[in-house]
Amino acid sequence: MRRRRNPRPVSFALDALGDDLEPATLIAKIQRHWPVIAGSFASCQPAYERDGELTIDCGSAVQAQELDLMSELVVSRLNDALGQPAVKRLRPRATHR
């Protein structure tokens, strides 16, 4: 067996390991991208997805209403990050955590 002369960065191994461990569900992919996409709504959390409708749990009714008003932009950003038009609409709800 031939040995490599130059060692590979650890990031290659970690990326491969992370890809193997990451759940392959749509909600898992959304949750992975959510903090970057959501911006000021990062405190709201994607709860579940069904038939293209993504339910988002928000800490207050005001946050849920603001997210609803921004839903077209958020859906567009999500679909861009996912690389496919998987999310059709958002359903923000106040959970009063």
Protein backbone atom coordinates (compact mmCIF):
# COMPACT_ATOMS: atom_id res chain seq x y z
CA MET A 1 0.00 0.00 0.00
CA ARG A 2 1.35 3.39 -0.93
CA ARG A 3 1.60 6.07 1.70
CA ARG A 4 0.79 9.75 1.18
CA ARG A 5 3.63 12.19 1.58
CA ASN A 6 1.59 15.18 2.68
CA PRO A 7 -0.87 14.82 5.53
CA ARG A 8 -4.45 15.90 4.90
CA PRO A 9 -6.05 18.58 7.03
CA VAL A 10 -8.28 17.29 9.81
CA SER A 11 -11.18 19.28 8.32
CA PHE A 12 -11.47 16.74 5.48
CA ALA A 13 -12.07 13.92 7.94
CA LEU A 14 -14.42 15.99 10.08
CA ASP A 15 -16.50 17.08 7.08
CA ALA A 16 -16.84 13.48 5.92
CA LEU A 17 -17.77 12.35 9.42
CA GLY A 18 -20.31 15.16 9.78
CA ASP A 19 -21.95 14.23 6.48
CA ASP A 20 -22.30 10.63 7.65
CA LEU A 21 -23.78 11.61 11.01
CA GLU A 22 -26.17 14.30 9.78
CA PRO A 23 -29.80 13.19 9.53
CA ALA A 24 -31.01 13.18 5.94
CA THR A 25 -34.43 14.68 6.71
CA LEU A 26 -35.54 18.00 5.31
CA ILE A 27 -36.19 19.48 8.77
CA ALA A 28 -32.62 18.60 9.83
CA LYS A 29 -31.23 20.41 6.79
CA ILE A 30 -33.44 23.42 7.51
CA GLN A 31 -32.36 23.51 11.16
CA ARG A 32 -28.72 23.37 10.08
CA HIS A 33 -29.10 26.47 7.88
CA TRP A 34 -31.63 28.32 10.06
CA PRO A 35 -29.28 30.46 12.24
CA VAL A 36 -27.69 32.04 9.16
CA ILE A 37 -30.90 32.45 7.17
CA ALA A 38 -33.17 33.66 9.97
CA GLY A 39 -31.08 36.63 11.06
CA SER A 40 -33.03 38.45 13.77
CA PHE A 41 -35.49 35.53 13.91
CA ALA A 42 -32.79 33.05 14.95
CA SER A 43 -34.50 32.67 18.34
CA CYS A 44 -37.49 31.17 16.51
CA GLN A 45 -36.99 27.48 15.76
CA PRO A 46 -38.18 25.30 12.88
CA ALA A 47 -40.45 22.66 14.47
CA TYR A 48 -41.57 20.47 11.59
CA GLU A 49 -42.28 20.40 7.87
CA ARG A 50 -45.23 18.84 6.10
CA ASP A 51 -45.98 19.02 2.38
CA GLY A 52 -43.78 22.10 1.93
CA GLU A 53 -45.26 23.98 4.89
CA LEU A 54 -42.65 24.76 7.55
CA THR A 55 -43.95 25.37 11.07
CA ILE A 56 -41.77 27.76 13.08
CA ASP A 57 -42.04 28.08 16.87
CA CYS A 58 -41.62 31.68 18.04
CA GLY A 59 -41.34 32.95 21.59
CA SER A 60 -44.02 35.59 21.19
CA ALA A 61 -46.99 36.52 19.03
CA VAL A 62 -45.13 39.64 17.86
CA GLN A 63 -42.20 37.56 16.57
CA ALA A 64 -44.59 35.16 14.85
CA GLN A 65 -46.40 38.05 13.13
CA GLU A 66 -43.13 39.70 12.04
CA LEU A 67 -41.88 36.40 10.64
CA ASP A 68 -45.17 35.94 8.81
CA LEU A 69 -44.71 39.35 7.17
CA MET A 70 -41.16 38.40 6.12
CA SER A 71 -42.09 34.87 5.03
CA GLU A 72 -41.51 35.33 1.28
CA LEU A 73 -37.93 36.45 1.85
CA VAL A 74 -37.24 33.70 4.39
CA VAL A 75 -38.71 31.00 2.12
CA SER A 76 -36.57 32.25 -0.76
CA ARG A 77 -33.41 32.19 1.38
CA LEU A 78 -34.23 28.71 2.70
CA ASN A 79 -34.77 27.28 -0.76
CA ASP A 80 -31.54 28.88 -1.98
CA ALA A 81 -29.62 27.33 0.92
CA LEU A 82 -31.24 23.93 0.36
CA GLY A 83 -30.62 24.04 -3.39
CA GLN A 84 -34.21 23.06 -4.16
CA PRO A 85 -37.69 24.56 -3.81
CA ALA A 86 -38.59 22.36 -0.81
CA VAL A 87 -40.35 24.98 1.33
CA LYS A 88 -43.51 26.54 -0.09
CA ARG A 89 -44.69 28.56 2.89
CA LEU A 90 -44.04 29.31 6.55
CA ARG A 91 -46.45 28.85 9.40
CA PRO A 92 -45.09 30.84 12.36
CA ARG A 93 -46.77 30.18 15.70
CA ALA A 94 -46.33 31.67 19.16
CA THR A 95 -45.33 29.03 21.71
CA HIS A 96 -44.62 31.27 24.74
CA ARG A 97 -41.62 29.25 25.85
